[in-house]
Amino acid sequence: MPRCLLSQLVHVELITPKLEESLAFFTQIGGLYLVHREAERAYLRCWGDHYTYSLILTQGELPALGHAAWRTWSPEDLEQAVRNIEASGVQGEWVEGSFGHGPAYRFRAPGGHTLELVWEVERYQAPPERASTYPERPQRFTGGGLEPRQLDHLTVASSDPYRDAEWFRRVLGFRFMCYNGLEDNPDFVVFAMVTTNEKNHDLAFAKDMSLIPGRLHHLAFWVDNRELHQRAADLLLEAGVPLEYGPGIHGMGEQTYLYFREPGGLRIEINTGGVRNYVPDWEPVRWRPSQGSNTFYRNTAMPDSMLEAFPPAEKVAAADLELVPDRQQPNPWGKRGLG
């Protein structure tokens, strides 16, 4: 297996139909910091981000994924990644540097998601009022709102999760960690995880029956421990934000999870914990729902709403697409005990 050419997920752009409301939520309740504002776009950061920002909010008609960006390990790895992508039959393009980073190679992955690869990035310099007394921290921790330390992972909707996971493994060197099938048909893959590092995943693929390419399932942020995770649930409920799913622990990766929707309709996860895997010749593990793939304790069912992706299938229907509404997809975790 090739060494992964990418070092980390550096930022994600979310499209929101309610930019001002989404921005207010992420800054006032989410605890992120606004670092740059344009007419229809806002750039935000977590307190532990070493680069200028990790989240872009862009005004749009429907909630969706704009793009996600990864940084490579070196300029040479960026060039090699581009060669690998184009050799796989995917043709992208170079785009000029944007706020906070240099030139980027933009392409559509097999699932239709727009991704960018960059090397040159701007490191964050905290103003005096945000400077930390700890020299390795990019800014101080003040404990306001959910205040996640950093961006954690991206989960996208895919017509073929296993295919997409294999493409990222083969072309860019991601580690393919695990995948999950239906209980009575383990070969019908509904979820797959890949990673650039020792975490169980920083990119995952959820089964999508809608035929709409490039949809988003959720974006996840990291807090340092379970106490802060429980506090996040408390803060959300006190702010009138319903909890869609969790708190709980996933079996795959053993991360503590909590899902909710922000004002623009997009699903956000707060997570912590999880295993660290350093095995160089790891082979992907196949799970079944009854083994606790989604809920470690196997004592609850996942709501059907968690099958929904963005943009919503019923709102972008076209005459030439035989769309399957999200809630008509098979829910492999919809019964108690099939966590």
Protein backbone atom coordinates (compact mmCIF):
# COMPACT_ATOMS: atom_id res chain seq x y z
CA MET A 1 0.00 0.00 0.00
CA PRO A 2 1.43 3.46 -0.89
CA ARG A 3 2.22 6.04 1.77
CA CYS A 4 -0.62 8.52 2.10
CA LEU A 5 0.18 11.67 0.13
CA LEU A 6 -2.19 13.80 2.21
CA SER A 7 -1.51 14.98 5.75
CA GLN A 8 -4.84 16.28 6.98
CA LEU A 9 -8.27 17.70 6.27
CA VAL A 10 -7.74 21.46 6.44
CA HIS A 11 -11.10 23.05 5.63
CA VAL A 12 -14.62 22.35 4.45
CA GLU A 13 -17.04 24.66 2.69
CA LEU A 14 -20.71 24.28 3.61
CA ILE A 15 -23.49 25.79 1.52
CA THR A 16 -26.30 27.22 3.64
CA PRO A 17 -29.58 28.86 2.59
CA LYS A 18 -29.48 30.87 5.84
CA LEU A 19 -26.01 32.35 5.97
CA GLU A 20 -26.62 34.90 8.72
CA GLU A 21 -28.42 32.40 10.94
CA SER A 22 -25.76 29.72 10.36
CA LEU A 23 -23.00 32.22 11.10
CA ALA A 24 -24.71 33.34 14.31
CA PHE A 25 -25.10 29.71 15.40
CA PHE A 26 -21.47 28.73 14.77
CA THR A 27 -20.08 31.81 16.51
CA GLN A 28 -22.52 32.24 19.39
CA ILE A 29 -23.40 28.62 20.22
CA GLY A 30 -20.78 26.63 18.33
CA GLY A 31 -17.94 28.69 19.76
CA LEU A 32 -16.06 29.13 16.46
CA TYR A 33 -14.31 32.39 15.60
CA LEU A 34 -15.00 34.56 12.56
CA VAL A 35 -11.71 35.50 10.87
CA HIS A 36 -12.84 36.88 7.51
CA ARG A 37 -16.13 37.98 5.98
CA GLU A 38 -17.21 38.55 2.38
CA ALA A 39 -20.65 39.45 1.05
CA GLU A 40 -21.93 35.87 0.75
CA ARG A 41 -19.18 33.94 2.52
CA ALA A 42 -17.73 33.68 6.03
CA TYR A 43 -14.50 32.00 7.19
CA LEU A 44 -14.35 30.53 10.69
CA ARG A 45 -11.86 28.69 12.86
CA CYS A 46 -11.79 26.41 15.88
CA TRP A 47 -9.57 27.53 18.75
CA GLY A 48 -7.06 24.73 18.09
CA ASP A 49 -6.72 25.15 14.31
CA HIS A 50 -3.12 25.82 13.31
CA TYR A 51 -4.18 27.33 9.99
CA THR A 52 -6.29 30.45 9.53
CA TYR A 53 -9.66 28.71 9.22
CA SER A 54 -11.30 25.31 8.90
CA LEU A 55 -14.91 26.16 8.00
CA ILE A 56 -16.34 28.25 5.17
CA LEU A 57 -20.04 29.15 5.15
CA THR A 58 -21.36 30.18 1.74
CA GLN A 59 -24.82 31.44 0.87
CA GLY A 60 -26.71 29.10 -1.47
CA GLU A 61 -30.18 27.92 -2.39
CA LEU A 62 -30.01 24.54 -0.62
CA PRO A 63 -27.87 23.04 2.16
CA ALA A 64 -24.96 21.18 0.57
CA LEU A 65 -21.23 20.54 0.47
CA GLY A 66 -19.28 23.18 -1.42
CA HIS A 67 -15.86 21.56 -1.30
CA ALA A 68 -13.40 19.96 1.10
CA ALA A 69 -9.64 20.60 1.10
CA TRP A 70 -6.74 18.40 2.19
CA ARG A 71 -3.14 19.46 2.65
CA THR A 72 -0.36 17.25 1.31
CA TRP A 73 2.85 16.38 3.15
CA SER A 74 5.02 18.40 0.74
CA PRO A 75 4.99 20.23 -2.61
CA GLU A 76 6.31 17.06 -4.22
CA ASP A 77 3.47 15.02 -2.75
CA LEU A 78 0.98 17.51 -4.19
CA GLU A 79 2.48 16.99 -7.64
CA GLN A 80 2.45 13.21 -7.20
CA ALA A 81 -1.15 13.25 -5.99
CA VAL A 82 -2.19 15.15 -9.12
CA ARG A 83 -0.39 12.62 -11.33
CA ASN A 84 -2.11 9.76 -9.53
CA ILE A 85 -5.54 11.34 -9.82
CA GLU A 86 -5.20 12.00 -13.52
CA ALA A 87 -3.75 8.53 -14.14
CA SER A 88 -6.90 7.11 -12.53
CA GLY A 89 -9.01 8.78 -15.21
CA VAL A 90 -10.16 11.78 -13.15
CA GLN A 91 -9.33 15.16 -14.68
CA GLY A 92 -9.19 18.21 -12.43
CA GLU A 93 -7.80 21.72 -12.77
CA TRP A 94 -5.45 24.09 -11.00
CA VAL A 95 -7.13 27.09 -9.39
CA GLU A 96 -5.52 30.23 -8.07
CA GLY A 97 -4.89 30.63 -4.38
CA SER A 98 -7.80 31.74 -2.25
CA PHE A 99 -8.04 33.37 1.16
CA GLY A 100 -5.65 31.54 3.47
CA HIS A 101 -3.98 29.18 0.99
CA GLY A 102 -1.99 29.03 -2.24
CA PRO A 103 -2.73 27.27 -5.55
CA ALA A 104 -5.05 24.27 -5.29
CA TYR A 105 -5.79 21.30 -7.49
CA ARG A 106 -9.57 20.96 -7.71
CA PHE A 107 -11.27 17.77 -8.90
CA ARG A 108 -14.40 15.69 -8.50
CA ALA A 109 -13.91 12.39 -6.71
CA PRO A 110 -15.71 9.29 -8.03
CA GLY A 111 -18.72 10.07 -5.84
CA GLY A 112 -19.08 13.52 -7.40
CA HIS A 113 -17.75 15.50 -4.44
CA THR A 114 -15.59 18.54 -5.14
CA LEU A 115 -12.22 18.31 -3.42
CA GLU A 116 -9.11 20.46 -3.37
CA LEU A 117 -5.50 19.55 -2.61
CA VAL A 118 -3.15 22.25 -1.35
CA TRP A 119 0.33 22.63 0.08
CA GLU A 120 0.78 26.34 0.74
CA VAL A 121 -1.37 27.43 3.69
CA GLU A 122 -1.41 30.47 5.96
CA ARG A 123 -0.67 29.74 9.60
CA TYR A 124 -2.85 31.50 12.13
CA GLN A 125 -1.39 34.36 14.12
CA ALA A 126 -3.56 35.13 17.12
CA PRO A 127 -4.15 38.76 18.11
CA PRO A 128 -2.89 39.64 21.61
CA GLU A 129 -6.29 39.13 23.23
CA ARG A 130 -6.44 35.54 21.91
CA ALA A 131 -2.79 34.59 22.41
CA SER A 132 -2.18 31.48 24.52
CA THR A 133 0.34 31.10 27.32
CA TYR A 134 1.11 27.66 25.86
CA PRO A 135 3.52 28.06 22.93
CA GLU A 136 2.19 25.14 20.88
CA ARG A 137 -1.40 26.39 20.94
CA PRO A 138 -2.43 28.69 18.08
CA GLN A 139 -4.77 30.59 20.43
CA ARG A 140 -6.09 30.33 23.97
CA PHE A 141 -8.97 28.15 25.08
CA THR A 142 -11.67 30.27 26.69
CA GLY A 143 -14.50 27.76 27.03
CA GLY A 144 -17.25 29.65 25.23
CA GLY A 145 -20.06 27.65 23.63
CA LEU A 146 -19.30 24.19 22.25
CA GLU A 147 -15.83 25.48 21.29
CA PRO A 148 -14.42 22.43 19.51
CA ARG A 149 -10.66 22.21 19.35
CA GLN A 150 -10.49 21.34 15.65
CA LEU A 151 -12.19 19.95 12.59
CA ASP A 152 -12.32 16.16 12.82
CA HIS A 153 -13.81 14.45 9.78
CA LEU A 154 -16.13 14.63 6.81
CA THR A 155 -18.76 12.04 5.90
CA VAL A 156 -20.22 12.18 2.40
CA ALA A 157 -23.07 10.33 0.69
CA SER A 158 -22.01 7.83 -1.96
CA SER A 159 -23.69 5.50 -4.41
CA ASP A 160 -20.89 2.99 -3.74
CA PRO A 161 -19.04 3.43 -0.42
CA TYR A 162 -16.68 0.51 -0.99
CA ARG A 163 -15.69 1.75 -4.46
CA ASP A 164 -14.95 5.22 -3.15
CA ALA A 165 -12.93 3.93 -0.19
CA GLU A 166 -10.85 1.76 -2.53
CA TRP A 167 -10.24 4.71 -4.88
CA PHE A 168 -8.88 6.89 -2.08
CA ARG A 169 -6.71 4.00 -0.89
CA ARG A 170 -5.35 3.16 -4.31
CA VAL A 171 -4.90 6.67 -5.72
CA LEU A 172 -3.96 8.81 -2.71
CA GLY A 173 -2.77 6.27 -0.16
CA PHE A 174 -5.54 6.62 2.44
CA ARG A 175 -5.78 3.69 4.82
CA PHE A 176 -9.04 1.77 4.31
CA MET A 177 -10.03 0.98 7.90
CA CYS A 178 -13.43 -0.71 7.91
CA TYR A 179 -16.81 -1.07 6.23
CA ASN A 180 -20.31 -2.18 7.13
CA GLY A 181 -22.92 -4.20 5.28
CA LEU A 182 -26.57 -5.08 5.77
CA GLU A 183 -27.21 -7.73 8.42
CA ASP A 184 -28.67 -10.23 5.96
CA ASN A 185 -26.41 -9.16 3.09
CA PRO A 186 -22.94 -8.19 4.39
CA ASP A 187 -21.69 -7.59 0.85
CA PHE A 188 -24.18 -4.72 0.37
CA VAL A 189 -21.88 -2.05 1.79
CA VAL A 190 -23.65 0.87 3.46
CA PHE A 191 -20.72 2.58 5.16
CA ALA A 192 -16.94 2.74 4.74
CA MET A 193 -14.13 4.65 6.49
CA VAL A 194 -10.70 5.81 5.32
CA THR A 195 -8.01 7.89 7.00
CA THR A 196 -4.84 9.84 6.29
CA ASN A 197 -3.50 9.28 9.82
CA GLU A 198 -3.79 7.21 12.99
CA LYS A 199 -7.46 8.04 13.58
CA ASN A 200 -10.07 5.56 12.44
CA HIS A 201 -11.27 8.03 9.81
CA ASP A 202 -11.13 11.58 8.61
CA LEU A 203 -13.28 10.72 5.57
CA ALA A 204 -16.24 8.34 5.42
CA PHE A 205 -18.85 7.27 2.87
CA ALA A 206 -22.52 6.58 3.62
CA LYS A 207 -24.74 4.71 1.15
CA ASP A 208 -26.86 7.00 -1.04
CA MET A 209 -29.73 5.60 -3.12
CA SER A 210 -30.76 8.97 -4.58
CA LEU A 211 -28.52 9.00 -7.69
CA ILE A 212 -27.60 12.61 -6.89
CA PRO A 213 -23.79 12.89 -6.92
CA GLY A 214 -21.74 14.84 -4.41
CA ARG A 215 -24.10 14.97 -1.43
CA LEU A 216 -23.05 15.61 2.17
CA HIS A 217 -23.98 13.49 5.18
CA HIS A 218 -22.29 15.41 8.01
CA LEU A 219 -19.30 17.42 9.16
CA ALA A 220 -17.68 16.58 12.51
CA PHE A 221 -15.78 18.68 15.04
CA TRP A 222 -13.59 17.44 17.89
CA VAL A 223 -13.70 18.22 21.61
CA ASP A 224 -10.99 16.98 23.96
CA ASN A 225 -12.88 14.63 26.25
CA ARG A 226 -16.25 13.09 27.15
CA GLU A 227 -16.93 15.66 29.84
CA LEU A 228 -16.79 18.43 27.23
CA HIS A 229 -18.87 16.23 24.93
CA GLN A 230 -21.63 15.88 27.54
CA ARG A 231 -21.43 19.62 28.17
CA ALA A 232 -21.98 20.17 24.44
CA ALA A 233 -25.24 18.19 24.60
CA ASP A 234 -26.35 20.26 27.58
CA LEU A 235 -25.53 23.56 25.85
CA LEU A 236 -27.36 22.57 22.67
CA LEU A 237 -30.51 21.56 24.51
CA GLU A 238 -30.47 24.73 26.59
CA ALA A 239 -30.16 26.72 23.35
CA GLY A 240 -33.23 24.99 21.96
CA VAL A 241 -31.34 22.83 19.45
CA PRO A 242 -32.80 19.28 19.22
CA LEU A 243 -30.39 16.36 19.34
CA GLU A 244 -30.88 14.18 16.28
CA TYR A 245 -28.87 11.17 17.47
CA GLY A 246 -26.75 10.52 20.54
CA PRO A 247 -24.87 11.01 22.71
CA GLY A 248 -23.46 7.54 22.22
CA ILE A 249 -20.41 5.61 21.06
CA HIS A 250 -19.90 4.14 17.60
CA GLY A 251 -18.52 0.61 17.42
CA MET A 252 -16.61 1.43 14.24
CA GLY A 253 -13.72 3.56 15.48
CA GLU A 254 -15.16 3.76 19.03
CA GLN A 255 -15.77 7.49 18.81
CA THR A 256 -18.26 9.24 21.08
CA TYR A 257 -20.87 10.92 18.88
CA LEU A 258 -23.59 13.55 18.99
CA TYR A 259 -25.53 14.76 15.93
CA PHE A 260 -27.72 17.82 15.44
CA ARG A 261 -28.75 20.25 12.68
CA GLU A 262 -27.54 23.83 12.33
CA PRO A 263 -30.02 26.56 11.18
CA GLY A 264 -29.31 26.02 7.48
CA GLY A 265 -30.39 22.39 7.84
CA LEU A 266 -26.97 20.72 7.68
CA ARG A 267 -26.04 17.88 10.03
CA ILE A 268 -23.15 18.56 12.40
CA GLU A 269 -21.43 16.07 14.70
CA ILE A 270 -19.50 16.72 17.89
CA ASN A 271 -17.21 13.84 18.76
CA THR A 272 -14.33 12.74 20.95
CA GLY A 273 -12.46 9.60 21.93
CA GLY A 274 -11.83 6.85 19.43
CA VAL A 275 -9.07 4.35 18.85
CA ARG A 276 -5.64 5.16 17.42
CA ASN A 277 -4.34 2.65 14.88
CA TYR A 278 -0.69 2.57 13.81
CA VAL A 279 -0.65 -0.84 12.08
CA PRO A 280 1.14 -0.27 8.72
CA ASP A 281 -0.38 -3.29 6.95
CA TRP A 282 -3.91 -2.95 8.29
CA GLU A 283 -6.62 -4.64 6.23
CA PRO A 284 -10.18 -3.26 6.20
CA VAL A 285 -12.49 -4.95 8.71
CA ARG A 286 -16.02 -5.96 7.69
CA TRP A 287 -18.71 -5.21 10.28
CA ARG A 288 -22.36 -6.22 10.63
CA PRO A 289 -24.96 -4.02 12.41
CA SER A 290 -25.55 -6.65 15.12
CA GLN A 291 -21.90 -6.33 16.13
CA GLY A 292 -22.49 -2.76 17.29
CA SER A 293 -21.07 -1.05 14.24
CA ASN A 294 -23.10 2.11 14.78
CA THR A 295 -23.99 1.94 18.47
CA PHE A 296 -21.37 0.32 20.67
CA TYR A 297 -23.83 -0.66 23.41
CA ARG A 298 -26.38 -2.16 20.95
CA ASN A 299 -29.24 -0.79 23.05
CA THR A 300 -30.84 1.77 20.77
CA ALA A 301 -31.91 2.31 17.18
CA MET A 302 -30.72 4.99 14.79
CA PRO A 303 -33.52 7.31 13.63
CA ASP A 304 -34.48 7.24 9.97
CA SER A 305 -33.68 10.97 9.76
CA MET A 306 -29.99 10.03 9.89
CA LEU A 307 -30.37 8.62 6.38
CA GLU A 308 -31.00 12.10 5.02
CA ALA A 309 -28.21 13.80 3.05
CA PHE A 310 -27.76 17.23 1.53
CA PRO A 311 -29.10 18.68 -0.68
CA PRO A 312 -32.35 16.83 0.13
CA ALA A 313 -33.27 14.36 -2.62
CA GLU A 314 -36.89 15.42 -2.92
CA LYS A 315 -35.92 19.06 -3.52
CA VAL A 316 -33.59 18.48 -6.47
CA ALA A 317 -35.61 15.89 -8.36
CA ALA A 318 -35.27 15.97 -12.13
CA ALA A 319 -37.39 14.26 -14.78
CA ASP A 320 -34.55 12.04 -15.94
CA LEU A 321 -33.57 10.82 -12.45
CA GLU A 322 -35.34 8.00 -10.66
CA LEU A 323 -34.74 9.41 -7.20
CA VAL A 324 -35.17 7.38 -4.05
CA PRO A 325 -36.20 9.57 -1.10
CA ASP A 326 -33.67 9.23 1.71
CA ARG A 327 -36.10 7.72 4.19
CA GLN A 328 -36.95 4.92 1.73
CA GLN A 329 -33.38 3.68 1.88
CA PRO A 330 -32.75 0.57 3.97
CA ASN A 331 -31.88 1.60 7.54
CA PRO A 332 -29.53 -1.14 8.78
CA TRP A 333 -29.47 0.39 12.27
CA GLY A 334 -33.22 1.06 12.57
CA LYS A 335 -33.99 -1.65 15.14
CA ARG A 336 -32.89 -1.91 18.73
CA GLY A 337 -29.98 -4.34 18.99
CA LEU A 338 -28.79 -3.68 15.46
CA GLY A 339 -26.56 -0.84 16.60
